């Protein structure tokens, strides 16, 4: 039979997909003012293939924001979240306000040297001019050690399976935070905007309205 070579993907990214589906269930039970499109994308590891296609050929007339859920570490009782890219647009304050409703704080990118904002599916939408963030659990309350353990062990390995010690209460909280973020965006009086002078907004949405950085 040989060694197991299947990278099962329990955290990367079944955890993200499950969080998305639960957030969708909560939104469907009490719909926000505007539509929320829930999408599971394919072939991110092969070059953002699925997200690139959707960003180029959207199935709705207008996409005003993208919130990406890629590989949340759900093995500890997180107390903060990181929205990679939050500093680039008015999505940042929306995410922070939504997180506070669930008793969670918003922290800055703890690993800027990894340049994560340009490496996952949301970046296809950034290139289409859409303000975007990628949400993950943060480094507080044991998070840094949990991230280190995952990267040092199960990341892209067969051991990323259901033997991973999921913290189920934290998983529920992460889904609730995501639902709150989507609701906050969909209920807002105006669409998210890039900050004036931001590199991504200037490059990919030069003619779109901009907001002053708070």
N, C-alpha and C. Protein backbone atom coordinates (compact mmCIF):
# COMPACT_ATOMS: atom_id res chain seq x y z
N UNK A 1 0.84 -1.19 0.00
CA UNK A 1 0.00 0.00 0.00
C UNK A 1 0.88 1.25 0.00
N UNK A 2 2.01 1.23 0.70
CA UNK A 2 2.88 2.39 0.73
C UNK A 2 2.40 3.45 1.69
N UNK A 3 3.19 4.50 1.80
CA UNK A 3 2.87 5.58 2.73
C UNK A 3 1.71 6.43 2.20
N UNK A 4 0.97 7.01 3.14
CA UNK A 4 -0.13 7.91 2.79
C UNK A 4 0.46 9.19 2.20
N UNK A 5 0.09 9.52 0.98
CA UNK A 5 0.60 10.73 0.33
C UNK A 5 -0.50 11.76 0.07
N UNK A 6 -1.69 11.53 0.61
CA UNK A 6 -2.81 12.44 0.37
C UNK A 6 -2.77 13.56 1.41
N UNK A 7 -2.67 14.79 0.93
CA UNK A 7 -2.75 15.95 1.82
C UNK A 7 -4.23 16.26 2.06
N UNK A 8 -4.73 15.85 3.21
CA UNK A 8 -6.18 15.83 3.44
C UNK A 8 -6.82 17.21 3.55
N UNK A 9 -6.10 18.17 4.08
CA UNK A 9 -6.61 19.54 4.06
C UNK A 9 -7.70 19.84 5.07
N UNK A 10 -7.61 19.29 6.28
CA UNK A 10 -8.65 19.55 7.28
C UNK A 10 -8.69 21.03 7.67
N UNK A 11 -7.53 21.63 7.91
CA UNK A 11 -7.47 23.06 8.19
C UNK A 11 -7.29 23.86 6.90
N UNK A 12 -6.49 23.36 5.99
CA UNK A 12 -6.18 24.05 4.73
C UNK A 12 -6.74 23.26 3.55
N UNK A 13 -8.02 23.49 3.18
CA UNK A 13 -8.84 24.58 3.63
C UNK A 13 -10.27 24.14 3.95
N UNK A 14 -10.45 22.91 4.41
CA UNK A 14 -11.80 22.50 4.80
C UNK A 14 -12.32 23.35 5.94
N UNK A 15 -11.42 23.81 6.84
CA UNK A 15 -11.85 24.70 7.91
C UNK A 15 -12.41 26.00 7.37
N UNK A 16 -11.78 26.53 6.32
CA UNK A 16 -12.30 27.75 5.71
C UNK A 16 -13.62 27.52 5.01
N UNK A 17 -13.75 26.41 4.30
CA UNK A 17 -15.00 26.12 3.59
C UNK A 17 -16.15 25.90 4.58
N UNK A 18 -15.88 25.15 5.66
CA UNK A 18 -16.91 24.92 6.67
C UNK A 18 -17.34 26.23 7.33
N UNK A 19 -16.37 27.11 7.60
CA UNK A 19 -16.69 28.42 8.18
C UNK A 19 -17.56 29.22 7.22
N UNK A 20 -17.24 29.17 5.94
CA UNK A 20 -18.01 29.88 4.93
C UNK A 20 -19.44 29.36 4.87
N UNK A 21 -19.61 28.04 4.89
CA UNK A 21 -20.94 27.46 4.80
C UNK A 21 -21.78 27.81 6.02
N UNK A 22 -21.17 27.81 7.20
CA UNK A 22 -21.91 28.17 8.40
C UNK A 22 -22.27 29.64 8.40
N UNK A 23 -21.36 30.49 7.94
CA UNK A 23 -21.69 31.92 7.82
C UNK A 23 -22.83 32.11 6.83
N UNK A 24 -22.82 31.36 5.74
CA UNK A 24 -23.90 31.45 4.76
C UNK A 24 -25.23 31.03 5.36
N UNK A 25 -25.20 29.98 6.18
CA UNK A 25 -26.44 29.53 6.83
C UNK A 25 -27.00 30.63 7.73
N UNK A 26 -26.14 31.30 8.48
CA UNK A 26 -26.60 32.37 9.37
C UNK A 26 -27.15 33.55 8.58
N UNK A 27 -26.51 33.88 7.47
CA UNK A 27 -26.98 34.99 6.64
C UNK A 27 -28.32 34.66 5.98
N UNK A 28 -28.47 33.41 5.55
CA UNK A 28 -29.73 33.01 4.92
C UNK A 28 -30.88 33.05 5.90
N UNK A 29 -30.60 32.79 7.18
CA UNK A 29 -31.65 32.80 8.19
C UNK A 29 -32.16 34.21 8.47
N UNK A 30 -31.30 35.20 8.25
CA UNK A 30 -31.69 36.60 8.46
C UNK A 30 -30.94 37.44 7.42
N UNK A 31 -31.46 37.50 6.19
CA UNK A 31 -30.71 38.12 5.08
C UNK A 31 -30.39 39.60 5.34
N UNK A 32 -29.19 40.03 4.96
CA UNK A 32 -28.84 41.45 5.05
C UNK A 32 -29.51 42.25 3.94
N UNK A 33 -29.23 43.54 3.89
CA UNK A 33 -29.89 44.42 2.92
C UNK A 33 -29.53 44.10 1.49
N UNK A 34 -28.30 43.67 1.27
CA UNK A 34 -27.83 43.42 -0.10
C UNK A 34 -27.35 41.99 -0.24
N UNK A 35 -27.18 41.55 -1.44
CA UNK A 35 -26.84 40.16 -1.71
C UNK A 35 -25.41 39.83 -1.29
N UNK A 36 -25.23 38.60 -0.84
CA UNK A 36 -23.92 38.05 -0.52
C UNK A 36 -23.74 36.80 -1.36
N UNK A 37 -22.68 36.77 -2.15
CA UNK A 37 -22.38 35.62 -3.00
C UNK A 37 -21.39 34.73 -2.26
N UNK A 38 -21.74 33.47 -2.09
CA UNK A 38 -20.91 32.51 -1.37
C UNK A 38 -20.30 31.56 -2.40
N UNK A 39 -18.97 31.51 -2.44
CA UNK A 39 -18.29 30.77 -3.50
C UNK A 39 -17.15 29.94 -2.91
N UNK A 40 -17.07 28.67 -3.30
CA UNK A 40 -15.90 27.84 -3.01
C UNK A 40 -15.09 27.74 -4.30
N UNK A 41 -13.88 28.21 -4.27
CA UNK A 41 -13.06 28.32 -5.47
C UNK A 41 -12.10 27.13 -5.59
N UNK A 42 -11.65 26.89 -6.80
CA UNK A 42 -10.75 25.76 -7.05
C UNK A 42 -9.39 26.24 -7.53
N UNK A 43 -8.41 25.39 -7.39
CA UNK A 43 -7.08 25.55 -8.00
C UNK A 43 -6.34 26.80 -7.55
N UNK A 44 -6.49 27.17 -6.28
CA UNK A 44 -5.71 28.28 -5.75
C UNK A 44 -4.22 27.97 -5.81
N UNK A 45 -3.88 26.74 -5.46
CA UNK A 45 -2.47 26.36 -5.41
C UNK A 45 -1.82 26.31 -6.79
N UNK A 46 -2.62 26.25 -7.84
CA UNK A 46 -2.09 26.17 -9.20
C UNK A 46 -1.96 27.55 -9.84
N UNK A 47 -2.18 28.60 -9.05
CA UNK A 47 -2.05 29.95 -9.59
C UNK A 47 -3.32 30.76 -9.55
N UNK A 48 -4.12 30.59 -8.50
CA UNK A 48 -5.38 31.35 -8.32
C UNK A 48 -6.32 31.17 -9.51
N UNK A 49 -6.36 29.96 -10.05
CA UNK A 49 -7.07 29.72 -11.32
C UNK A 49 -8.56 30.00 -11.19
N UNK A 50 -9.21 29.42 -10.17
CA UNK A 50 -10.65 29.59 -10.03
C UNK A 50 -11.04 31.02 -9.74
N UNK A 51 -10.32 31.67 -8.82
CA UNK A 51 -10.66 33.05 -8.47
C UNK A 51 -10.37 34.00 -9.62
N UNK A 52 -9.32 33.73 -10.38
CA UNK A 52 -9.02 34.58 -11.53
C UNK A 52 -10.16 34.53 -12.55
N UNK A 53 -10.69 33.33 -12.78
CA UNK A 53 -11.80 33.21 -13.73
C UNK A 53 -13.03 33.94 -13.22
N UNK A 54 -13.36 33.76 -11.94
CA UNK A 54 -14.55 34.42 -11.40
C UNK A 54 -14.40 35.93 -11.39
N UNK A 55 -13.20 36.42 -11.08
CA UNK A 55 -12.99 37.87 -11.07
C UNK A 55 -13.11 38.46 -12.48
N UNK A 56 -12.68 37.68 -13.48
CA UNK A 56 -12.78 38.16 -14.86
C UNK A 56 -14.19 38.02 -15.43
N UNK A 57 -14.91 36.98 -14.98
CA UNK A 57 -16.25 36.70 -15.49
C UNK A 57 -17.22 36.53 -14.32
N UNK A 58 -17.52 37.62 -13.62
CA UNK A 58 -18.37 37.51 -12.42
C UNK A 58 -19.79 37.08 -12.79
N UNK A 59 -20.42 36.36 -11.87
CA UNK A 59 -21.78 35.87 -12.12
C UNK A 59 -22.83 36.86 -11.64
N UNK A 60 -22.41 37.96 -11.05
CA UNK A 60 -23.31 39.04 -10.65
C UNK A 60 -22.82 40.33 -11.30
N UNK A 61 -23.69 41.31 -11.35
CA UNK A 61 -23.36 42.54 -12.09
C UNK A 61 -22.22 43.31 -11.44
N UNK A 62 -22.23 43.40 -10.10
CA UNK A 62 -21.24 44.20 -9.41
C UNK A 62 -20.74 43.46 -8.18
N UNK A 63 -19.43 43.37 -8.03
CA UNK A 63 -18.81 42.84 -6.81
C UNK A 63 -18.15 44.02 -6.10
N UNK A 64 -18.61 44.33 -4.89
CA UNK A 64 -18.10 45.52 -4.20
C UNK A 64 -17.01 45.19 -3.19
N UNK A 65 -16.91 43.93 -2.78
CA UNK A 65 -15.90 43.54 -1.79
C UNK A 65 -15.70 42.04 -1.84
N UNK A 66 -14.52 41.61 -1.43
CA UNK A 66 -14.24 40.18 -1.34
C UNK A 66 -13.62 39.88 0.02
N UNK A 67 -14.18 38.88 0.71
CA UNK A 67 -13.64 38.40 1.98
C UNK A 67 -13.25 36.94 1.77
N UNK A 68 -11.97 36.67 1.87
CA UNK A 68 -11.44 35.34 1.58
C UNK A 68 -11.16 34.60 2.89
N UNK A 69 -11.52 33.31 2.92
CA UNK A 69 -11.27 32.48 4.10
C UNK A 69 -10.33 31.36 3.68
N UNK A 70 -9.06 31.55 3.92
CA UNK A 70 -8.07 30.57 3.49
C UNK A 70 -7.25 30.13 4.69
N UNK A 71 -7.44 28.88 5.11
CA UNK A 71 -6.62 28.25 6.13
C UNK A 71 -6.68 28.94 7.49
N UNK A 72 -7.87 29.08 8.09
CA UNK A 72 -7.90 29.54 9.48
C UNK A 72 -7.36 28.44 10.40
N UNK A 73 -6.52 28.83 11.36
CA UNK A 73 -6.00 27.86 12.32
C UNK A 73 -7.00 27.81 13.49
N UNK A 74 -7.72 26.69 13.59
CA UNK A 74 -8.84 26.56 14.52
C UNK A 74 -8.53 25.57 15.63
N UNK A 75 -7.29 25.61 16.13
CA UNK A 75 -6.85 24.65 17.14
C UNK A 75 -6.68 25.29 18.52
N UNK A 76 -7.09 26.56 18.69
CA UNK A 76 -6.89 27.25 19.96
C UNK A 76 -8.01 28.27 20.14
N UNK A 77 -8.13 28.79 21.35
CA UNK A 77 -9.21 29.71 21.70
C UNK A 77 -8.80 31.13 21.29
N UNK A 78 -8.94 31.43 20.01
CA UNK A 78 -8.45 32.71 19.50
C UNK A 78 -9.25 33.88 20.07
N UNK A 79 -8.57 35.00 20.25
CA UNK A 79 -9.22 36.21 20.74
C UNK A 79 -9.04 37.39 19.79
N UNK A 80 -8.30 37.17 18.70
CA UNK A 80 -8.14 38.22 17.70
C UNK A 80 -8.14 37.58 16.31
N UNK A 81 -8.43 38.40 15.33
CA UNK A 81 -8.35 37.97 13.93
C UNK A 81 -7.44 38.93 13.18
N UNK A 82 -6.91 38.45 12.09
CA UNK A 82 -6.12 39.26 11.17
C UNK A 82 -6.86 39.30 9.85
N UNK A 83 -7.08 40.49 9.34
CA UNK A 83 -7.65 40.66 8.01
C UNK A 83 -6.53 41.17 7.12
N UNK A 84 -5.85 40.26 6.44
CA UNK A 84 -4.73 40.66 5.58
C UNK A 84 -5.25 41.62 4.51
N UNK A 85 -4.65 42.80 4.45
CA UNK A 85 -5.11 43.83 3.51
C UNK A 85 -6.05 44.84 4.11
N UNK A 86 -6.37 44.73 5.40
CA UNK A 86 -7.34 45.63 6.03
C UNK A 86 -6.88 47.09 5.98
N UNK A 87 -5.56 47.29 5.94
CA UNK A 87 -5.04 48.66 5.97
C UNK A 87 -5.19 49.38 4.63
N UNK A 88 -5.64 48.68 3.60
CA UNK A 88 -5.68 49.27 2.26
C UNK A 88 -7.02 49.91 1.90
N UNK A 89 -8.08 49.60 2.64
CA UNK A 89 -9.40 50.08 2.24
C UNK A 89 -10.31 50.24 3.46
N UNK A 90 -11.50 50.76 3.22
CA UNK A 90 -12.47 50.93 4.30
C UNK A 90 -13.05 49.60 4.77
N UNK A 91 -12.62 48.49 4.18
CA UNK A 91 -12.98 47.19 4.74
C UNK A 91 -12.40 47.02 6.14
N UNK A 92 -11.25 47.62 6.41
CA UNK A 92 -10.61 47.46 7.71
C UNK A 92 -11.51 47.84 8.86
N UNK A 93 -12.06 49.06 8.89
CA UNK A 93 -12.97 49.43 9.98
C UNK A 93 -14.23 48.58 10.03
N UNK A 94 -14.73 48.15 8.87
CA UNK A 94 -15.91 47.28 8.87
C UNK A 94 -15.61 45.94 9.54
N UNK A 95 -14.45 45.37 9.21
CA UNK A 95 -14.05 44.09 9.81
C UNK A 95 -13.86 44.27 11.31
N UNK A 96 -13.21 45.34 11.72
CA UNK A 96 -12.97 45.58 13.15
C UNK A 96 -14.28 45.70 13.91
N UNK A 97 -15.23 46.43 13.34
CA UNK A 97 -16.53 46.61 14.00
C UNK A 97 -17.29 45.29 14.09
N UNK A 98 -17.23 44.51 13.02
CA UNK A 98 -17.92 43.22 13.03
C UNK A 98 -17.29 42.27 14.04
N UNK A 99 -15.97 42.24 14.10
CA UNK A 99 -15.28 41.36 15.04
C UNK A 99 -15.63 41.71 16.48
N UNK A 100 -15.74 43.02 16.75
CA UNK A 100 -16.07 43.44 18.12
C UNK A 100 -17.42 42.91 18.57
N UNK A 101 -18.36 42.74 17.64
CA UNK A 101 -19.68 42.22 18.02
C UNK A 101 -19.58 40.79 18.54
N UNK A 102 -18.50 40.09 18.19
CA UNK A 102 -18.28 38.72 18.67
C UNK A 102 -17.20 38.66 19.75
N UNK A 103 -16.82 39.82 20.30
CA UNK A 103 -15.83 39.87 21.37
C UNK A 103 -14.42 39.59 20.92
N UNK A 104 -14.13 39.88 19.66
CA UNK A 104 -12.82 39.59 19.06
C UNK A 104 -12.21 40.90 18.55
N UNK A 105 -10.91 41.05 18.69
CA UNK A 105 -10.24 42.25 18.21
C UNK A 105 -9.60 42.00 16.85
N UNK A 106 -9.28 43.08 16.15
CA UNK A 106 -8.59 43.01 14.86
C UNK A 106 -7.14 43.41 15.06
N UNK A 107 -6.23 42.54 14.65
CA UNK A 107 -4.79 42.79 14.81
C UNK A 107 -4.14 43.03 13.45
N UNK A 108 -3.02 43.75 13.43
CA UNK A 108 -2.29 43.93 12.16
C UNK A 108 -1.63 42.64 11.72
N UNK A 109 -1.23 42.62 10.47
CA UNK A 109 -0.55 41.47 9.87
C UNK A 109 0.67 41.09 10.71
N UNK A 110 0.70 39.87 11.29
CA UNK A 110 1.83 39.50 12.13
C UNK A 110 3.02 38.94 11.36
N UNK A 111 2.84 38.74 10.06
CA UNK A 111 3.94 38.18 9.26
C UNK A 111 4.05 38.92 7.93
N UNK A 112 4.29 40.23 7.96
CA UNK A 112 4.33 41.00 6.71
C UNK A 112 5.39 40.53 5.73
N UNK A 113 6.44 39.89 6.26
CA UNK A 113 7.50 39.40 5.37
C UNK A 113 7.00 38.29 4.44
N UNK A 114 5.87 37.67 4.77
CA UNK A 114 5.31 36.61 3.94
C UNK A 114 4.49 37.15 2.76
N UNK A 115 4.14 38.44 2.79
CA UNK A 115 3.40 39.09 1.70
C UNK A 115 2.13 38.31 1.35
N UNK A 116 1.40 37.91 2.37
CA UNK A 116 0.24 37.05 2.19
C UNK A 116 -0.85 37.72 1.37
N UNK A 117 -0.93 39.04 1.42
CA UNK A 117 -2.02 39.73 0.72
C UNK A 117 -2.01 39.48 -0.78
N UNK A 118 -0.88 39.13 -1.34
CA UNK A 118 -0.81 38.91 -2.79
C UNK A 118 -0.76 37.43 -3.15
N UNK A 119 -1.08 36.54 -2.19
CA UNK A 119 -0.82 35.12 -2.43
C UNK A 119 -2.05 34.22 -2.37
N UNK A 120 -3.23 34.75 -2.16
CA UNK A 120 -4.39 33.87 -2.09
C UNK A 120 -5.51 34.42 -2.97
N UNK A 121 -6.66 33.72 -2.98
CA UNK A 121 -7.69 33.97 -3.98
C UNK A 121 -8.23 35.39 -4.01
N UNK A 122 -8.23 36.08 -2.88
CA UNK A 122 -8.73 37.45 -2.88
C UNK A 122 -7.94 38.34 -3.83
N UNK A 123 -6.67 38.00 -4.08
CA UNK A 123 -5.85 38.89 -4.89
C UNK A 123 -6.34 38.98 -6.33
N UNK A 124 -7.02 37.96 -6.81
CA UNK A 124 -7.63 38.06 -8.14
C UNK A 124 -8.63 39.19 -8.18
N UNK A 125 -9.37 39.38 -7.09
CA UNK A 125 -10.35 40.45 -7.04
C UNK A 125 -9.68 41.80 -6.83
N UNK A 126 -8.60 41.83 -6.07
CA UNK A 126 -7.81 43.05 -5.96
C UNK A 126 -7.38 43.52 -7.35
N UNK A 127 -6.90 42.59 -8.16
CA UNK A 127 -6.46 42.95 -9.51
C UNK A 127 -7.61 43.40 -10.40
N UNK A 128 -8.83 43.04 -10.02
CA UNK A 128 -10.02 43.53 -10.72
C UNK A 128 -10.54 44.83 -10.12
N UNK A 129 -9.79 45.39 -9.15
CA UNK A 129 -10.16 46.67 -8.56
C UNK A 129 -11.07 46.58 -7.36
N UNK A 130 -11.31 45.38 -6.83
CA UNK A 130 -12.27 45.18 -5.74
C UNK A 130 -11.55 45.20 -4.39
N UNK A 131 -11.94 46.07 -3.46
CA UNK A 131 -11.36 46.02 -2.12
C UNK A 131 -11.55 44.64 -1.50
N UNK A 132 -10.50 44.09 -0.93
CA UNK A 132 -10.52 42.70 -0.48
C UNK A 132 -9.70 42.51 0.79
N UNK A 133 -10.05 41.48 1.55
CA UNK A 133 -9.26 41.07 2.69
C UNK A 133 -9.25 39.54 2.76
N UNK A 134 -8.26 39.00 3.43
CA UNK A 134 -8.23 37.58 3.76
C UNK A 134 -8.24 37.45 5.26
N UNK A 135 -9.25 36.76 5.79
CA UNK A 135 -9.42 36.66 7.23
C UNK A 135 -8.78 35.40 7.79
N UNK A 136 -8.10 35.54 8.92
CA UNK A 136 -7.48 34.41 9.59
C UNK A 136 -7.53 34.65 11.09
N UNK A 137 -7.37 33.59 11.86
CA UNK A 137 -7.24 33.73 13.30
C UNK A 137 -5.88 34.35 13.62
N UNK A 138 -5.82 35.09 14.74
CA UNK A 138 -4.63 35.89 15.04
C UNK A 138 -3.63 35.21 15.95
N UNK A 139 -2.63 35.97 16.33
CA UNK A 139 -1.50 35.46 17.10
C UNK A 139 -1.72 35.52 18.62
N UNK A 140 -2.76 36.21 19.08
CA UNK A 140 -2.97 36.37 20.51
C UNK A 140 -3.44 35.07 21.15
N UNK A 141 -3.30 34.98 22.48
CA UNK A 141 -3.83 33.87 23.28
C UNK A 141 -3.39 32.50 22.77
N UNK A 142 -2.12 32.39 22.45
CA UNK A 142 -1.58 31.12 21.98
C UNK A 142 -1.59 30.94 20.48
N UNK A 143 -2.02 31.95 19.76
CA UNK A 143 -2.13 31.82 18.32
C UNK A 143 -0.80 31.69 17.60
N UNK A 144 0.20 32.44 18.05
CA UNK A 144 1.51 32.36 17.38
C UNK A 144 2.06 30.94 17.46
N UNK A 145 1.94 30.31 18.63
CA UNK A 145 2.42 28.94 18.78
C UNK A 145 1.60 27.98 17.93
N UNK A 146 0.28 28.20 17.85
CA UNK A 146 -0.58 27.32 17.05
C UNK A 146 -0.25 27.42 15.57
N UNK A 147 -0.01 28.65 15.10
CA UNK A 147 0.40 28.81 13.70
C UNK A 147 1.75 28.15 13.45
N UNK A 148 2.68 28.33 14.38
CA UNK A 148 4.00 27.72 14.21
C UNK A 148 3.92 26.21 14.19
N UNK A 149 3.08 25.63 15.05
CA UNK A 149 2.94 24.18 15.09
C UNK A 149 2.35 23.66 13.78
N UNK A 150 1.38 24.38 13.23
CA UNK A 150 0.77 23.92 11.99
C UNK A 150 1.76 24.02 10.83
N UNK A 151 2.44 25.15 10.70
CA UNK A 151 3.42 25.31 9.62
C UNK A 151 4.58 24.33 9.76
N UNK A 152 4.91 24.00 11.00
CA UNK A 152 6.03 23.10 11.22
C UNK A 152 5.67 21.63 11.15
N UNK A 153 4.37 21.33 11.02
CA UNK A 153 3.96 19.94 11.02
C UNK A 153 2.99 19.56 9.92
N UNK A 154 1.74 20.02 10.02
CA UNK A 154 0.68 19.52 9.15
C UNK A 154 0.52 20.28 7.84
N UNK A 155 1.10 21.46 7.71
CA UNK A 155 0.88 22.29 6.52
C UNK A 155 1.32 21.55 5.25
N UNK A 156 0.36 21.36 4.33
CA UNK A 156 0.61 20.66 3.07
C UNK A 156 1.17 19.26 3.31
N UNK A 157 0.65 18.61 4.34
CA UNK A 157 1.09 17.26 4.68
C UNK A 157 -0.14 16.36 4.88
N UNK A 158 0.01 15.05 4.76
CA UNK A 158 -1.10 14.14 5.05
C UNK A 158 -1.65 14.29 6.47
N UNK A 159 -0.83 14.78 7.40
CA UNK A 159 -1.27 14.92 8.79
C UNK A 159 -2.25 16.07 9.01
N UNK A 160 -2.53 16.87 7.98
CA UNK A 160 -3.60 17.88 8.09
C UNK A 160 -4.93 17.15 7.87
N UNK A 161 -5.32 16.39 8.88
CA UNK A 161 -6.53 15.58 8.80
C UNK A 161 -7.34 15.76 10.08
N UNK A 162 -8.33 14.91 10.31
CA UNK A 162 -9.20 15.10 11.46
C UNK A 162 -8.53 14.74 12.79
N UNK A 163 -7.27 14.35 12.75
CA UNK A 163 -6.54 14.19 14.00
C UNK A 163 -6.04 15.54 14.53
N UNK A 164 -6.11 16.58 13.70
CA UNK A 164 -5.76 17.92 14.16
C UNK A 164 -6.67 18.27 15.35
N UNK A 165 -6.13 18.83 16.43
CA UNK A 165 -6.94 19.09 17.63
C UNK A 165 -7.84 20.32 17.48
N UNK A 166 -8.92 20.18 16.76
CA UNK A 166 -9.84 21.31 16.55
C UNK A 166 -10.38 21.81 17.88
N UNK A 167 -10.44 23.12 18.01
CA UNK A 167 -11.12 23.78 19.13
C UNK A 167 -12.49 24.19 18.59
N UNK A 168 -13.49 23.38 18.87
CA UNK A 168 -14.77 23.54 18.18
C UNK A 168 -15.48 24.84 18.55
N UNK A 169 -15.34 25.30 19.78
CA UNK A 169 -15.94 26.58 20.16
C UNK A 169 -15.30 27.72 19.37
N UNK A 170 -13.98 27.63 19.17
CA UNK A 170 -13.30 28.64 18.37
C UNK A 170 -13.76 28.59 16.92
N UNK A 171 -14.00 27.38 16.40
CA UNK A 171 -14.47 27.26 15.03
C UNK A 171 -15.83 27.93 14.86
N UNK A 172 -16.71 27.75 15.85
CA UNK A 172 -18.02 28.41 15.81
C UNK A 172 -17.84 29.93 15.84
N UNK A 173 -16.95 30.40 16.71
CA UNK A 173 -16.72 31.85 16.80
C UNK A 173 -16.19 32.41 15.49
N UNK A 174 -15.29 31.68 14.84
CA UNK A 174 -14.74 32.16 13.57
C UNK A 174 -15.84 32.27 12.52
N UNK A 175 -16.74 31.29 12.46
CA UNK A 175 -17.86 31.36 11.52
C UNK A 175 -18.75 32.56 11.83
N UNK A 176 -19.00 32.80 13.10
CA UNK A 176 -19.85 33.92 13.49
C UNK A 176 -19.19 35.25 13.13
N UNK A 177 -17.90 35.36 13.32
CA UNK A 177 -17.18 36.59 12.93
C UNK A 177 -17.32 36.81 11.43
N UNK A 178 -17.16 35.74 10.65
CA UNK A 178 -17.29 35.89 9.21
C UNK A 178 -18.69 36.31 8.79
N UNK A 179 -19.69 35.71 9.40
CA UNK A 179 -21.05 36.12 9.10
C UNK A 179 -21.29 37.58 9.45
N UNK A 180 -20.73 38.01 10.59
CA UNK A 180 -20.89 39.41 11.00
C UNK A 180 -20.20 40.36 10.03
N UNK A 181 -19.05 39.96 9.51
CA UNK A 181 -18.34 40.80 8.54
C UNK A 181 -19.16 40.95 7.26
N UNK A 182 -19.64 39.83 6.73
CA UNK A 182 -20.44 39.89 5.50
C UNK A 182 -21.69 40.73 5.72
N UNK A 183 -22.32 40.58 6.87
CA UNK A 183 -23.53 41.37 7.15
C UNK A 183 -23.19 42.86 7.24
N UNK A 184 -22.10 43.17 7.91
CA UNK A 184 -21.71 44.58 8.06
C UNK A 184 -21.45 45.21 6.69
N UNK A 185 -20.79 44.49 5.80
CA UNK A 185 -20.53 45.02 4.45
C UNK A 185 -21.83 45.18 3.69
N UNK A 186 -22.69 44.15 3.73
CA UNK A 186 -23.92 44.17 2.94
C UNK A 186 -24.93 45.17 3.47
N UNK A 187 -24.86 45.53 4.74
CA UNK A 187 -25.80 46.50 5.32
C UNK A 187 -25.27 47.93 5.29
N UNK A 188 -24.01 48.12 4.91
CA UNK A 188 -23.41 49.46 4.95
C UNK A 188 -24.08 50.40 3.96
N UNK A 189 -24.13 51.69 4.27
CA UNK A 189 -24.79 52.64 3.36
C UNK A 189 -24.02 52.88 2.07
N UNK A 190 -22.73 52.59 2.04
CA UNK A 190 -21.95 52.75 0.81
C UNK A 190 -20.97 51.60 0.67
N UNK A 191 -20.54 51.38 -0.56
CA UNK A 191 -19.63 50.27 -0.83
C UNK A 191 -18.25 50.57 -0.26
N UNK A 192 -17.48 49.53 0.06
CA UNK A 192 -16.10 49.75 0.51
C UNK A 192 -15.28 50.46 -0.56
N UNK A 193 -14.32 51.27 -0.11
CA UNK A 193 -13.47 52.03 -1.03
C UNK A 193 -12.01 51.87 -0.65
N UNK A 194 -11.16 51.89 -1.66
CA UNK A 194 -9.72 51.96 -1.42
C UNK A 194 -9.39 53.30 -0.78
N UNK A 195 -8.36 53.31 0.04
CA UNK A 195 -7.90 54.58 0.58
C UNK A 195 -7.17 55.38 -0.48
N UNK A 196 -7.33 56.67 -0.41
CA UNK A 196 -6.67 57.57 -1.35
C UNK A 196 -5.15 57.43 -1.22
N UNK A 197 -4.49 57.25 -2.36
CA UNK A 197 -3.05 57.10 -2.37
C UNK A 197 -2.56 55.68 -2.13
N UNK A 198 -3.48 54.73 -1.97
CA UNK A 198 -3.07 53.36 -1.76
C UNK A 198 -2.56 52.74 -3.05
N UNK A 199 -1.48 51.99 -2.96
CA UNK A 199 -0.85 51.42 -4.16
C UNK A 199 -1.80 50.53 -4.94
N UNK A 200 -2.52 49.64 -4.26
CA UNK A 200 -3.40 48.70 -4.95
C UNK A 200 -4.59 49.42 -5.58
N UNK A 201 -5.18 50.34 -4.85
CA UNK A 201 -6.29 51.10 -5.40
C UNK A 201 -5.89 51.95 -6.58
N UNK A 202 -4.72 52.61 -6.46
CA UNK A 202 -4.26 53.46 -7.56
C UNK A 202 -3.94 52.65 -8.80
N UNK A 203 -3.38 51.44 -8.60
CA UNK A 203 -2.99 50.63 -9.75
C UNK A 203 -4.18 49.93 -10.41
N UNK A 204 -5.07 49.35 -9.59
CA UNK A 204 -6.10 48.48 -10.14
C UNK A 204 -7.49 49.13 -10.22
N UNK A 205 -7.70 50.24 -9.53
CA UNK A 205 -8.99 50.94 -9.60
C UNK A 205 -8.75 52.44 -9.63
N UNK A 206 -7.99 52.92 -10.63
CA UNK A 206 -7.58 54.33 -10.62
C UNK A 206 -8.74 55.31 -10.73
N UNK A 207 -9.83 54.90 -11.33
CA UNK A 207 -10.96 55.83 -11.53
C UNK A 207 -12.08 55.65 -10.51
N UNK A 208 -11.92 54.71 -9.57
CA UNK A 208 -12.96 54.48 -8.58
C UNK A 208 -12.88 55.54 -7.49
N UNK A 209 -14.01 55.87 -6.85
CA UNK A 209 -13.97 56.80 -5.71
C UNK A 209 -13.06 56.27 -4.61
N UNK A 210 -12.36 57.17 -3.96
CA UNK A 210 -11.44 56.80 -2.89
C UNK A 210 -11.88 57.44 -1.57
N UNK A 211 -11.43 56.86 -0.47
CA UNK A 211 -11.73 57.38 0.85
C UNK A 211 -10.46 57.89 1.51
N UNK A 212 -10.59 58.86 2.38
CA UNK A 212 -9.45 59.33 3.17
C UNK A 212 -9.15 58.29 4.25
N UNK A 213 -7.87 58.03 4.45
CA UNK A 213 -7.47 57.10 5.50
C UNK A 213 -7.77 57.73 6.87
N UNK A 214 -8.42 56.98 7.76
CA UNK A 214 -8.75 57.57 9.08
C UNK A 214 -7.51 57.83 9.91
